[in-house]
Amino acid sequence: MIRTTLLDELDGEVQKYVQPVLATSAELGCTIMIDEWTNIRGQKFCNYLIGTTRGATYVTKDVMIGKKDATALAQAWLRRLKSLDIKLTDIKTFVTGSASSNVSTMEAFQKDESVKHIFWIPYVAYVMDLILEDIGDIDWVATRIAQARLVIKFFKRHSHACEVLQVFMSMSLFLLVEVRFSMHVIIMRRLLLLQMQLMQMVIDDRWKDTFRSTKKIRDAAAEVTPCIVSPLWWNDTRAVCTLLDPIMNMLQIVKSGTRQVGKILRWYDEMIVSCLSACVGFDREEQGAVRVVFDRRRTMFKSMNHMAAMILDPKFREPTLTDDAEMQQGLITALVKFDYPESSDQYKEVLTTIDKFHARDRPFDDVAMDRAAQSYSHPTSFWDSKQKMFPHTAFFSVRILHIWAETSP
């Protein structure tokens, strides 16, 4: 019963929610998102999700068997996309992890003429995790993280010490598990909240009893105690958290389901400024190591999609933005890929409109834009309202600004 009639009924109920999402792809395009992982047998799994203006939905999965090089993976992607109930021309963007294998795969994928129009961008949250991991690999940061892990593990592994700890605090420490790097930041934040209680605990007689236990426990406690009693260690731990907090905040924003692809590049630049401000007390070598991480990962956000989307976002109207050669080239590349070739009427209209938009010329003067800000909650709604005046710009803008830069939460 469950495997036949009931399963069919449940599938029918699910399709009632899925079909409206798929139907909107023909009108405003869609984003294909791939969520990949490898199981214990070494098989590569790919979940395919579709994001449209109506939301996101899971549509199918693939299991990679055999050869897993870039060409084989590209063929698997292509084969799967062609099997979906969606026209290839309606797919505007392909979002994957930013691993080097995926970059190579996308290059092979786009050699097929039928998908050359599809943009590729990496998941924003994945890039943010890579930034956290890169900073975590810097020697002085890695040392503080290792010491924080040591403190947590000590209390989780030794019941007597844990009982003493519970006397001094109502808030429990997290059990350290091997997940993405952000868990280490959460753990250090929790330690900082419990700093006073931990420092009181290590001078208590009940804590001293710990040193009368086995040699193994005494040795472990002797490693942990210097960290807990050291004001310098707490200051360094706080400095690491202050450095990483802006990254964690941006990670939370992009994982909250906020579909604002036009703001990602600006958020990233603001995040860098905040992080570097936190580095003021660091020496030149420590600051340089952090800058290297941001410079290396920033290229992932300097895609034509992110640059074009930022230029089209009403929140970032600046005359200097269109004068930026890199931003302008990103917009031009996006237009050509969108099938608005140079010298075409569509191409000329978009560039002319964007110049007016950032110069605050009519109909983009401040009064009109202030009124629009109260009327339209999303940049796509604003550009959609300009369809009669600037049809090609509106068509291009709505599709670019509706790109999903993250999987649906």
Foldseek 3Di string as FASTA:
>chain_A
DVVPPVVVVVVVVVCVVVVVQQVCLVVQAKEWEWDWDADPVRKIKIWIWIQDPSGIDTDDMDIDDDDDALLSVLVVVVVVVVPDPHQLLSHAEYEYAPDPRVVSNVVNNCVDVSNVLHYYAYFPLNLLLVLLVLLCPPVLNVVLLVLLLLLLVLLVPDPLNVVLLVVQDPDDQDDDDDDGNVVSLVRLVVCLVCLVSLLVSCVDVSVVVQCVDDPVSVVSVVSNVVLSNDPVSNVSSVLSSQLCVLSVVVSCVLQVQPLFLLCPLVSLVVSVVSNLVSCPPPDPVSSVSSVVSSVVSSVSCLALLNLLSVLLALVDQALCSCVPPSSVVSPQVSCVSNVNDPPHPLSVLQVVVSNCCNVCHPPNNPVNVVVVVVVDPFSLVVLCVCCVVRVSNNSSNNNSSSYRSHHHD
